[in-house]
Amino acid sequence: MTSDDDEQYQKSLKVFQNQNIFIADTVILGTEWVLRFAYKFKSVEICQAFRKVFGLPNMYLTNERLMLQVIE
């Protein structure tokens, strides 16, 4: 989401393009916290990023409907 480390970004891009991915609620919460406090993302930017990730066809969440409501 931040592309701050190109090597890690390229590796994660391959994973997101080629594998099914499950993201637990706790990981989403932790990611939001880091983006907000460490990277100074605004709430709208975080929600936009999550919408993109959650919209991937190979993405699985514990409760997709709830997460989509939360980011609205």
Protein backbone atom coordinates (compact mmCIF):
# COMPACT_ATOMS: atom_id res chain seq x y z
CA MET A 1 0.00 0.00 0.00
CA THR A 2 2.91 2.36 0.54
CA SER A 3 5.49 1.04 -1.94
CA ASP A 4 8.18 2.35 0.39
CA ASP A 5 10.42 -0.67 -0.18
CA ASP A 6 10.56 -1.62 -3.85
CA GLU A 7 11.89 -5.14 -3.28
CA GLN A 8 9.13 -6.00 -0.80
CA TYR A 9 6.55 -4.31 -3.01
CA GLN A 10 7.55 -6.42 -6.03
CA LYS A 11 7.39 -9.64 -3.97
CA SER A 12 3.99 -8.77 -2.53
CA LEU A 13 2.69 -7.79 -5.96
CA LYS A 14 3.50 -11.27 -7.25
CA VAL A 15 1.70 -12.84 -4.29
CA PHE A 16 -1.38 -10.66 -4.81
CA GLN A 17 -1.42 -11.46 -8.54
CA ASN A 18 -0.88 -15.22 -8.30
CA GLN A 19 -2.34 -16.58 -5.07
CA ASN A 20 -5.56 -16.64 -3.11
CA ILE A 21 -5.20 -14.37 -0.11
CA PHE A 22 -7.00 -14.36 3.22
CA ILE A 23 -6.63 -11.29 5.43
CA ALA A 24 -7.79 -11.63 9.03
CA ASP A 25 -9.67 -8.78 10.72
CA THR A 26 -6.78 -8.21 13.12
CA VAL A 27 -4.39 -7.69 10.20
CA ILE A 28 -6.76 -5.13 8.69
CA LEU A 29 -6.95 -3.27 12.01
CA GLY A 30 -3.18 -3.31 12.40
CA THR A 31 -2.67 -2.12 8.84
CA GLU A 32 -5.10 0.76 9.36
CA TRP A 33 -3.26 1.80 12.52
CA VAL A 34 0.17 1.76 10.83
CA LEU A 35 -1.10 3.65 7.77
CA ARG A 36 -2.76 6.29 9.96
CA PHE A 37 -0.05 6.83 12.57
CA ALA A 38 3.24 5.85 10.92
CA TYR A 39 2.50 6.94 7.36
CA LYS A 40 0.06 9.76 8.18
CA PHE A 41 -2.55 8.54 5.70
CA LYS A 42 -5.90 10.28 5.91
CA SER A 43 -9.00 8.17 6.59
CA VAL A 44 -10.24 8.59 3.04
CA GLU A 45 -6.90 7.39 1.64
CA ILE A 46 -6.97 4.30 3.85
CA CYS A 47 -10.52 3.48 2.79
CA GLN A 48 -9.62 3.89 -0.89
CA ALA A 49 -6.64 1.57 -0.50
CA PHE A 50 -8.72 -1.05 1.32
CA ARG A 51 -11.45 -0.87 -1.35
CA LYS A 52 -8.85 -1.68 -4.01
CA VAL A 53 -7.40 -4.60 -2.06
CA PHE A 54 -10.78 -5.97 -0.94
CA GLY A 55 -12.02 -5.78 -4.54
CA LEU A 56 -9.40 -8.18 -5.86
CA PRO A 57 -10.98 -11.42 -7.16
CA ASN A 58 -8.57 -13.59 -5.14
CA MET A 59 -9.12 -11.75 -1.82
CA TYR A 60 -10.92 -13.40 1.08
CA LEU A 61 -11.96 -11.76 4.35
CA THR A 62 -13.58 -13.11 7.50
CA ASN A 63 -16.60 -10.87 7.00
CA GLU A 64 -16.39 -9.02 3.70
CA ARG A 65 -19.77 -7.34 4.07
CA LEU A 66 -18.85 -5.89 7.47
CA MET A 67 -15.48 -4.64 6.22
CA LEU A 68 -17.11 -2.94 3.25
CA GLN A 69 -19.59 -1.25 5.59
CA VAL A 70 -16.76 -0.10 7.84
CA ILE A 71 -14.84 1.56 4.99
CA GLU A 72 -17.94 3.31 3.72
